[in-house]
Amino acid sequence: MLKDTENWFTSWFDTPYYHILYKDRDYDEALVFMKNLTQFLNLKKKQTILDLACGRGRHAVSLNELGFDVTGVDLSTESILYAKSFENETLRFDVHDMCKPYHKKFDAVFNLFTSFGYFEKEEDNFRTIAAIKANLNEGGKGVIDFMNVNTVITNLVEKETKTVGKITFHIHRYVNEGYIYKDISFTDNNDDYFFTEKVKALKLEDFKNYFKKAGIELLCTFGDYNLKEFDPLHSPRLILIFS
């Protein structure tokens, strides 16, 4: 059974295979990043944070453990169903389209771990930026944690095989027409599966153009989770702080 979708994230994120492939993501790293980020932003305990495209809630849980009132939203119903097991009075999760403003405002809005640039339509990238602005309280800060495209392309591993449990994933990475692709194929219980991840290869100048159009001020950029200065050629991440 061969599976694919026009909007790849709609189906891929809702499969158990997505979480099997990426099950080793580092919760300790997420906590360190959230500590560094909230300290830099001078956020106080009990202030409100929206984790936009939160997945299964890795960062939202870390933020809540640090004392913040957190709402995590994601388009994936399966991810949100899983994340709801962590809910408490100051941590909640909801299914939501990141292109549209949420129905509340927050002291900070975080979009983390390259959860941007998925869309087929360029206008949806801008709509997401505008939605983040709409969800910020007066004086609130937005954060986008994106890949550094230059570093990713320079170090791109074209083909890789990864075995997790009984499943062997065959991964093919490539760049085409301004997007970075990852084709993922595998077999499980005699069924063949194929999914494609596709992310727009956005650079700092692209984000600056979005921000200018949306009337957003870029305050600073960082290049890794320890908030070191952004180096366009060598930094692993592109972390943007704006208001």
C-alpha atoms as a PDB file:
ATOM      1  CA  MET A   1       0.000   0.000   0.000  1.00  0.00           C
ATOM      2  CA  LEU A   2       1.727   3.174  -1.240  1.00  0.00           C
ATOM      3  CA  LYS A   3       0.870   6.339   0.652  1.00  0.00           C
ATOM      4  CA  ASP A   4       1.557   9.961  -0.227  1.00  0.00           C
ATOM      5  CA  THR A   5      -0.261  13.279  -0.109  1.00  0.00           C
ATOM      6  CA  GLU A   6      -0.225  16.662  -1.817  1.00  0.00           C
ATOM      7  CA  ASN A   7       0.157  18.402   1.553  1.00  0.00           C
ATOM      8  CA  TRP A   8       2.705  15.963   2.924  1.00  0.00           C
ATOM      9  CA  PHE A   9       2.423  17.074   6.531  1.00  0.00           C
ATOM     10  CA  THR A  10      -1.325  16.415   6.647  1.00  0.00           C
ATOM     11  CA  SER A  11      -0.916  12.632   6.520  1.00  0.00           C
ATOM     12  CA  TRP A  12       2.745  11.991   7.453  1.00  0.00           C
ATOM     13  CA  PHE A  13       2.524  13.648  10.876  1.00  0.00           C
ATOM     14  CA  ASP A  14      -0.592  11.632  11.702  1.00  0.00           C
ATOM     15  CA  THR A  15       1.042   8.266  11.059  1.00  0.00           C
ATOM     16  CA  PRO A  16       2.735   6.225  13.806  1.00  0.00           C
ATOM     17  CA  TYR A  17       5.736   5.869  11.467  1.00  0.00           C
ATOM     18  CA  TYR A  18       6.635   9.562  11.749  1.00  0.00           C
ATOM     19  CA  HIS A  19       7.020   9.162  15.504  1.00  0.00           C
ATOM     20  CA  ILE A  20       8.884   5.874  15.123  1.00  0.00           C
ATOM     21  CA  LEU A  21      11.440   7.435  12.772  1.00  0.00           C
ATOM     22  CA  TYR A  22      12.005  10.452  15.022  1.00  0.00           C
ATOM     23  CA  LYS A  23      11.568   8.808  18.415  1.00  0.00           C
ATOM     24  CA  ASP A  24      15.112   9.740  19.545  1.00  0.00           C
ATOM     25  CA  ARG A  25      14.535  13.493  19.567  1.00  0.00           C
ATOM     26  CA  ASP A  26      16.193  14.985  22.608  1.00  0.00           C
ATOM     27  CA  TYR A  27      13.925  16.204  25.434  1.00  0.00           C
ATOM     28  CA  ASP A  28      16.948  17.395  27.436  1.00  0.00           C
ATOM     29  CA  GLU A  29      18.051  19.549  24.498  1.00  0.00           C
ATOM     30  CA  ALA A  30      14.534  20.980  24.274  1.00  0.00           C
ATOM     31  CA  LEU A  31      14.582  21.901  27.971  1.00  0.00           C
ATOM     32  CA  VAL A  32      17.987  23.614  27.698  1.00  0.00           C
ATOM     33  CA  PHE A  33      16.815  25.625  24.679  1.00  0.00           C
ATOM     34  CA  MET A  34      13.603  26.665  26.437  1.00  0.00           C
ATOM     35  CA  LYS A  35      15.562  27.780  29.525  1.00  0.00           C
ATOM     36  CA  ASN A  36      17.950  29.843  27.416  1.00  0.00           C
ATOM     37  CA  LEU A  37      15.174  31.353  25.328  1.00  0.00           C
ATOM     38  CA  THR A  38      12.808  32.307  28.151  1.00  0.00           C
ATOM     39  CA  GLN A  39      15.683  33.812  30.157  1.00  0.00           C
ATOM     40  CA  PHE A  40      16.802  35.878  27.183  1.00  0.00           C
ATOM     41  CA  LEU A  41      13.232  37.113  26.635  1.00  0.00           C
ATOM     42  CA  ASN A  42      12.946  37.862  30.359  1.00  0.00           C
ATOM     43  CA  LEU A  43       9.686  35.926  30.587  1.00  0.00           C
ATOM     44  CA  LYS A  44       8.328  35.489  34.105  1.00  0.00           C
ATOM     45  CA  LYS A  45       6.655  32.411  35.525  1.00  0.00           C
ATOM     46  CA  LYS A  46       2.928  32.170  34.773  1.00  0.00           C
ATOM     47  CA  GLN A  47       3.259  34.300  31.642  1.00  0.00           C
ATOM     48  CA  THR A  48       1.502  32.842  28.602  1.00  0.00           C
ATOM     49  CA  ILE A  49       3.206  31.130  25.671  1.00  0.00           C
ATOM     50  CA  LEU A  50       1.737  29.706  22.468  1.00  0.00           C
ATOM     51  CA  ASP A  51       3.733  26.771  21.065  1.00  0.00           C
ATOM     52  CA  LEU A  52       2.729  26.938  17.398  1.00  0.00           C
ATOM     53  CA  ALA A  53       2.994  23.612  15.519  1.00  0.00           C
ATOM     54  CA  CYS A  54       3.806  21.862  18.795  1.00  0.00           C
ATOM     55  CA  GLY A  55       3.738  18.268  17.522  1.00  0.00           C
ATOM     56  CA  ARG A  56       3.488  15.890  20.472  1.00  0.00           C
ATOM     57  CA  GLY A  57       4.313  18.673  22.897  1.00  0.00           C
ATOM     58  CA  ARG A  58       8.019  18.224  23.553  1.00  0.00           C
ATOM     59  CA  HIS A  59       8.763  21.937  23.916  1.00  0.00           C
ATOM     60  CA  ALA A  60       5.385  22.818  25.431  1.00  0.00           C
ATOM     61  CA  VAL A  61       5.922  20.322  28.261  1.00  0.00           C
ATOM     62  CA  SER A  62       9.406  21.737  28.898  1.00  0.00           C
ATOM     63  CA  LEU A  63       8.040  25.285  29.017  1.00  0.00           C
ATOM     64  CA  ASN A  64       5.311  24.262  31.422  1.00  0.00           C
ATOM     65  CA  GLU A  65       7.858  22.545  33.672  1.00  0.00           C
ATOM     66  CA  LEU A  66       9.674  25.890  33.799  1.00  0.00           C
ATOM     67  CA  GLY A  67       6.533  27.498  35.237  1.00  0.00           C
ATOM     68  CA  PHE A  68       4.840  29.044  32.195  1.00  0.00           C
ATOM     69  CA  ASP A  69       1.181  28.885  31.179  1.00  0.00           C
ATOM     70  CA  VAL A  70       1.407  27.107  27.822  1.00  0.00           C
ATOM     71  CA  THR A  71      -0.967  26.367  24.963  1.00  0.00           C
ATOM     72  CA  GLY A  72       0.280  23.981  22.286  1.00  0.00           C
ATOM     73  CA  VAL A  73      -1.459  23.819  18.909  1.00  0.00           C
ATOM     74  CA  ASP A  74      -0.885  21.625  15.882  1.00  0.00           C
ATOM     75  CA  LEU A  75      -2.723  20.535  12.745  1.00  0.00           C
ATOM     76  CA  SER A  76      -2.087  16.859  13.509  1.00  0.00           C
ATOM     77  CA  THR A  77      -5.025  15.393  15.437  1.00  0.00           C
ATOM     78  CA  GLU A  78      -2.994  12.316  16.389  1.00  0.00           C
ATOM     79  CA  SER A  79      -0.160  14.413  17.810  1.00  0.00           C
ATOM     80  CA  ILE A  80      -2.567  16.548  19.827  1.00  0.00           C
ATOM     81  CA  LEU A  81      -4.372  13.458  21.108  1.00  0.00           C
ATOM     82  CA  TYR A  82      -1.029  12.173  22.420  1.00  0.00           C
ATOM     83  CA  ALA A  83      -0.032  15.576  23.852  1.00  0.00           C
ATOM     84  CA  LYS A  84      -3.295  15.891  25.772  1.00  0.00           C
ATOM     85  CA  SER A  85      -2.055  13.180  28.142  1.00  0.00           C
ATOM     86  CA  PHE A  86       0.283  15.862  29.576  1.00  0.00           C
ATOM     87  CA  GLU A  87      -2.417  18.482  30.131  1.00  0.00           C
ATOM     88  CA  ASN A  88      -2.901  20.245  33.449  1.00  0.00           C
ATOM     89  CA  GLU A  89      -4.297  23.586  34.652  1.00  0.00           C
ATOM     90  CA  THR A  90      -1.502  25.528  32.947  1.00  0.00           C
ATOM     91  CA  LEU A  91      -0.819  23.263  29.958  1.00  0.00           C
ATOM     92  CA  ARG A  92      -3.364  22.638  27.248  1.00  0.00           C
ATOM     93  CA  PHE A  93      -3.372  21.426  23.644  1.00  0.00           C
ATOM     94  CA  ASP A  94      -5.637  22.108  20.693  1.00  0.00           C
ATOM     95  CA  VAL A  95      -5.913  21.250  16.990  1.00  0.00           C
ATOM     96  CA  HIS A  96      -5.324  24.432  15.003  1.00  0.00           C
ATOM     97  CA  ASP A  97      -4.143  25.636  11.573  1.00  0.00           C
ATOM     98  CA  MET A  98      -1.053  27.815  12.065  1.00  0.00           C
ATOM     99  CA  CYS A  99      -1.989  29.974   9.039  1.00  0.00           C
ATOM    100  CA  LYS A 100      -4.839  31.447  11.084  1.00  0.00           C
ATOM    101  CA  PRO A 101      -4.723  33.464  14.316  1.00  0.00           C
ATOM    102  CA  TYR A 102      -5.640  31.511  17.441  1.00  0.00           C
ATOM    103  CA  HIS A 103      -8.527  32.871  19.513  1.00  0.00           C
ATOM    104  CA  LYS A 104      -6.288  34.186  22.321  1.00  0.00           C
ATOM    105  CA  LYS A 105      -3.295  36.493  22.680  1.00  0.00           C
ATOM    106  CA  PHE A 106      -0.039  35.531  24.405  1.00  0.00           C
ATOM    107  CA  ASP A 107       3.066  37.050  25.927  1.00  0.00           C
ATOM    108  CA  ALA A 108       5.155  34.995  23.506  1.00  0.00           C
ATOM    109  CA  VAL A 109       4.578  32.819  20.444  1.00  0.00           C
ATOM    110  CA  PHE A 110       7.160  30.124  19.650  1.00  0.00           C
ATOM    111  CA  ASN A 111       7.419  28.263  16.340  1.00  0.00           C
ATOM    112  CA  LEU A 112      10.156  25.706  16.919  1.00  0.00           C
ATOM    113  CA  PHE A 113      12.242  22.972  15.312  1.00  0.00           C
ATOM    114  CA  THR A 114      11.748  23.981  11.664  1.00  0.00           C
ATOM    115  CA  SER A 115       7.952  23.941  11.801  1.00  0.00           C
ATOM    116  CA  PHE A 116       7.670  26.577   9.074  1.00  0.00           C
ATOM    117  CA  GLY A 117       7.880  26.658   5.286  1.00  0.00           C
ATOM    118  CA  TYR A 118       5.814  23.520   4.685  1.00  0.00           C
ATOM    119  CA  PHE A 119       3.178  25.089   2.502  1.00  0.00           C
ATOM    120  CA  GLU A 120       2.577  24.751  -1.216  1.00  0.00           C
ATOM    121  CA  LYS A 121       1.400  28.364  -1.461  1.00  0.00           C
ATOM    122  CA  GLU A 122       3.849  31.141  -0.677  1.00  0.00           C
ATOM    123  CA  GLU A 123       0.992  33.256   0.697  1.00  0.00           C
ATOM    124  CA  ASP A 124       0.507  30.724   3.506  1.00  0.00           C
ATOM    125  CA  ASN A 125       4.003  31.404   4.818  1.00  0.00           C
ATOM    126  CA  PHE A 126       3.132  35.083   5.089  1.00  0.00           C
ATOM    127  CA  ARG A 127      -0.272  34.297   6.592  1.00  0.00           C
ATOM    128  CA  THR A 128       1.505  32.353   9.344  1.00  0.00           C
ATOM    129  CA  ILE A 129       3.788  35.308  10.108  1.00  0.00           C
ATOM    130  CA  ALA A 130       0.752  37.604  10.219  1.00  0.00           C
ATOM    131  CA  ALA A 131      -1.070  35.137  12.494  1.00  0.00           C
ATOM    132  CA  ILE A 132       1.847  35.103  14.928  1.00  0.00           C
ATOM    133  CA  LYS A 133       1.760  38.899  15.089  1.00  0.00           C
ATOM    134  CA  ALA A 134      -2.006  38.815  15.689  1.00  0.00           C
ATOM    135  CA  ASN A 135      -1.539  36.424  18.615  1.00  0.00           C
ATOM    136  CA  LEU A 136       0.969  38.591  20.489  1.00  0.00           C
ATOM    137  CA  ASN A 137      -0.008  40.761  23.420  1.00  0.00           C
ATOM    138  CA  GLU A 138       1.292  44.327  23.407  1.00  0.00           C
ATOM    139  CA  GLY A 139       5.026  43.994  24.041  1.00  0.00           C
ATOM    140  CA  GLY A 140       4.933  40.273  23.251  1.00  0.00           C
ATOM    141  CA  LYS A 141       7.739  38.496  21.401  1.00  0.00           C
ATOM    142  CA  GLY A 142       7.674  36.001  18.553  1.00  0.00           C
ATOM    143  CA  VAL A 143      10.293  33.313  17.951  1.00  0.00           C
ATOM    144  CA  ILE A 144      10.899  31.213  14.854  1.00  0.00           C
ATOM    145  CA  ASP A 145      13.476  28.439  15.164  1.00  0.00           C
ATOM    146  CA  PHE A 146      14.346  27.420  11.610  1.00  0.00           C
ATOM    147  CA  MET A 147      17.184  25.490  10.010  1.00  0.00           C
ATOM    148  CA  ASN A 148      20.155  27.383   8.604  1.00  0.00           C
ATOM    149  CA  VAL A 149      19.612  26.507   4.957  1.00  0.00           C
ATOM    150  CA  ASN A 150      23.250  27.162   3.988  1.00  0.00           C
ATOM    151  CA  THR A 151      24.555  24.655   6.532  1.00  0.00           C
ATOM    152  CA  VAL A 152      21.895  22.063   5.739  1.00  0.00           C
ATOM    153  CA  ILE A 153      22.566  22.128   1.998  1.00  0.00           C
ATOM    154  CA  THR A 154      26.352  22.119   2.439  1.00  0.00           C
ATOM    155  CA  ASN A 155      26.168  19.045   4.687  1.00  0.00           C
ATOM    156  CA  LEU A 156      23.271  17.277   2.991  1.00  0.00           C
ATOM    157  CA  VAL A 157      23.492  13.486   3.253  1.00  0.00           C
ATOM    158  CA  GLU A 158      21.875  12.347   0.024  1.00  0.00           C
ATOM    159  CA  LYS A 159      21.075   8.760   0.990  1.00  0.00           C
ATOM    160  CA  GLU A 160      20.715   7.124   4.383  1.00  0.00           C
ATOM    161  CA  THR A 161      19.271   3.922   5.808  1.00  0.00           C
ATOM    162  CA  LYS A 162      17.942   3.910   9.368  1.00  0.00           C
ATOM    163  CA  THR A 163      16.550   0.846  11.129  1.00  0.00           C
ATOM    164  CA  VAL A 164      14.222   1.430  14.076  1.00  0.00           C
ATOM    165  CA  GLY A 165      12.906  -1.775  15.607  1.00  0.00           C
ATOM    166  CA  LYS A 166      11.661  -3.970  12.777  1.00  0.00           C
ATOM    167  CA  ILE A 167      11.362  -1.142  10.216  1.00  0.00           C
ATOM    168  CA  THR A 168      14.138  -0.038   7.884  1.00  0.00           C
ATOM    169  CA  PHE A 169      13.649   3.485   6.556  1.00  0.00           C
ATOM    170  CA  HIS A 170      15.318   4.422   3.264  1.00  0.00           C
ATOM    171  CA  ILE A 171      15.895   8.175   3.143  1.00  0.00           C
ATOM    172  CA  HIS A 172      16.759  10.277   0.088  1.00  0.00           C
ATOM    173  CA  ARG A 173      17.498  14.006   0.511  1.00  0.00           C
ATOM    174  CA  TYR A 174      17.799  16.546  -2.294  1.00  0.00           C
ATOM    175  CA  VAL A 175      17.202  20.175  -3.223  1.00  0.00           C
ATOM    176  CA  ASN A 176      14.843  21.154  -6.021  1.00  0.00           C
ATOM    177  CA  GLU A 177      13.274  24.473  -7.075  1.00  0.00           C
ATOM    178  CA  GLY A 178      13.895  26.203  -3.773  1.00  0.00           C
ATOM    179  CA  TYR A 179      12.793  23.359  -1.514  1.00  0.00           C
ATOM    180  CA  ILE A 180      14.676  20.789   0.541  1.00  0.00           C
ATOM    181  CA  TYR A 181      13.135  17.346   0.144  1.00  0.00           C
ATOM    182  CA  LYS A 182      13.373  14.162   2.135  1.00  0.00           C
ATOM    183  CA  ASP A 183      11.828  11.057   0.516  1.00  0.00           C
ATOM    184  CA  ILE A 184      11.131   8.289   3.023  1.00  0.00           C
ATOM    185  CA  SER A 185      10.282   4.746   1.918  1.00  0.00           C
ATOM    186  CA  PHE A 186       9.868   1.578   3.968  1.00  0.00           C
ATOM    187  CA  THR A 187       7.963  -1.688   4.275  1.00  0.00           C
ATOM    188  CA  ASP A 188       5.878  -2.810   7.254  1.00  0.00           C
ATOM    189  CA  ASN A 189       3.781  -5.970   7.436  1.00  0.00           C
ATOM    190  CA  ASN A 190       4.320  -6.511   3.705  1.00  0.00           C
ATOM    191  CA  ASP A 191       2.906  -3.081   2.856  1.00  0.00           C
ATOM    192  CA  ASP A 192       5.113  -0.515   1.084  1.00  0.00           C
ATOM    193  CA  TYR A 193       4.980   3.117   2.202  1.00  0.00           C
ATOM    194  CA  PHE A 194       6.318   6.322   0.720  1.00  0.00           C
ATOM    195  CA  PHE A 195       6.238   9.834   2.183  1.00  0.00           C
ATOM    196  CA  THR A 196       7.957  13.068   1.267  1.00  0.00           C
ATOM    197  CA  GLU A 197       8.949  15.902   3.580  1.00  0.00           C
ATOM    198  CA  LYS A 198       9.268  19.232   1.791  1.00  0.00           C
ATOM    199  CA  VAL A 199      10.462  22.478   3.363  1.00  0.00           C
ATOM    200  CA  LYS A 200      11.048  25.794   1.604  1.00  0.00           C
ATOM    201  CA  ALA A 201      14.744  26.740   1.702  1.00  0.00           C
ATOM    202  CA  LEU A 202      14.167  30.076   3.424  1.00  0.00           C
ATOM    203  CA  LYS A 203      17.106  32.291   4.325  1.00  0.00           C
ATOM    204  CA  LEU A 204      17.385  35.270   6.644  1.00  0.00           C
ATOM    205  CA  GLU A 205      16.567  37.717   3.844  1.00  0.00           C
ATOM    206  CA  ASP A 206      13.357  35.816   3.085  1.00  0.00           C
ATOM    207  CA  PHE A 207      12.201  36.177   6.677  1.00  0.00           C
ATOM    208  CA  LYS A 208      13.146  39.849   6.672  1.00  0.00           C
ATOM    209  CA  ASN A 209      10.880  40.321   3.647  1.00  0.00           C
ATOM    210  CA  TYR A 210       7.988  38.558   5.413  1.00  0.00           C
ATOM    211  CA  PHE A 211       8.513  40.694   8.505  1.00  0.00           C
ATOM    212  CA  LYS A 212       8.649  43.948   6.547  1.00  0.00           C
ATOM    213  CA  LYS A 213       5.409  43.095   4.771  1.00  0.00           C
ATOM    214  CA  ALA A 214       3.725  42.183   8.080  1.00  0.00           C
ATOM    215  CA  GLY A 215       4.983  45.253   9.921  1.00  0.00           C
ATOM    216  CA  ILE A 216       7.134  43.154  12.255  1.00  0.00           C
ATOM    217  CA  GLU A 217      10.447  44.260  13.748  1.00  0.00           C
ATOM    218  CA  LEU A 218      13.294  41.733  13.756  1.00  0.00           C
ATOM    219  CA  LEU A 219      15.053  42.219  17.078  1.00  0.00           C
ATOM    220  CA  CYS A 220      17.911  39.702  16.885  1.00  0.00           C
ATOM    221  CA  THR A 221      19.073  36.398  15.435  1.00  0.00           C
ATOM    222  CA  PHE A 222      20.896  33.422  16.960  1.00  0.00           C
ATOM    223  CA  GLY A 223      22.648  30.450  15.408  1.00  0.00           C
ATOM    224  CA  ASP A 224      22.139  27.623  17.911  1.00  0.00           C
ATOM    225  CA  TYR A 225      20.243  26.539  21.019  1.00  0.00           C
ATOM    226  CA  ASN A 226      22.855  28.128  23.282  1.00  0.00           C
ATOM    227  CA  LEU A 227      21.978  31.454  21.606  1.00  0.00           C
ATOM    228  CA  LYS A 228      25.329  32.030  19.989  1.00  0.00           C
ATOM    229  CA  GLU A 229      25.618  34.661  17.262  1.00  0.00           C
ATOM    230  CA  PHE A 230      24.194  33.650  13.895  1.00  0.00           C
ATOM    231  CA  ASP A 231      26.830  32.760  11.302  1.00  0.00           C
ATOM    232  CA  PRO A 232      25.228  32.396   7.830  1.00  0.00           C
ATOM    233  CA  LEU A 233      27.857  29.877   6.700  1.00  0.00           C
ATOM    234  CA  HIS A 234      28.294  27.690   9.769  1.00  0.00           C
ATOM    235  CA  SER A 235      25.472  28.002  12.300  1.00  0.00           C
ATOM    236  CA  PRO A 236      23.208  24.927  12.587  1.00  0.00           C
ATOM    237  CA  ARG A 237      20.081  27.000  13.234  1.00  0.00           C
ATOM    238  CA  LEU A 238      18.474  30.316  12.290  1.00  0.00           C
ATOM    239  CA  ILE A 239      16.604  31.573  15.371  1.00  0.00           C
ATOM    240  CA  LEU A 240      14.683  34.826  14.886  1.00  0.00           C
ATOM    241  CA  ILE A 241      13.335  37.011  17.710  1.00  0.00           C
ATOM    242  CA  PHE A 242      10.789  39.630  16.680  1.00  0.00           C
ATOM    243  CA  SER A 243       7.929  41.810  17.826  1.00  0.00           C
END
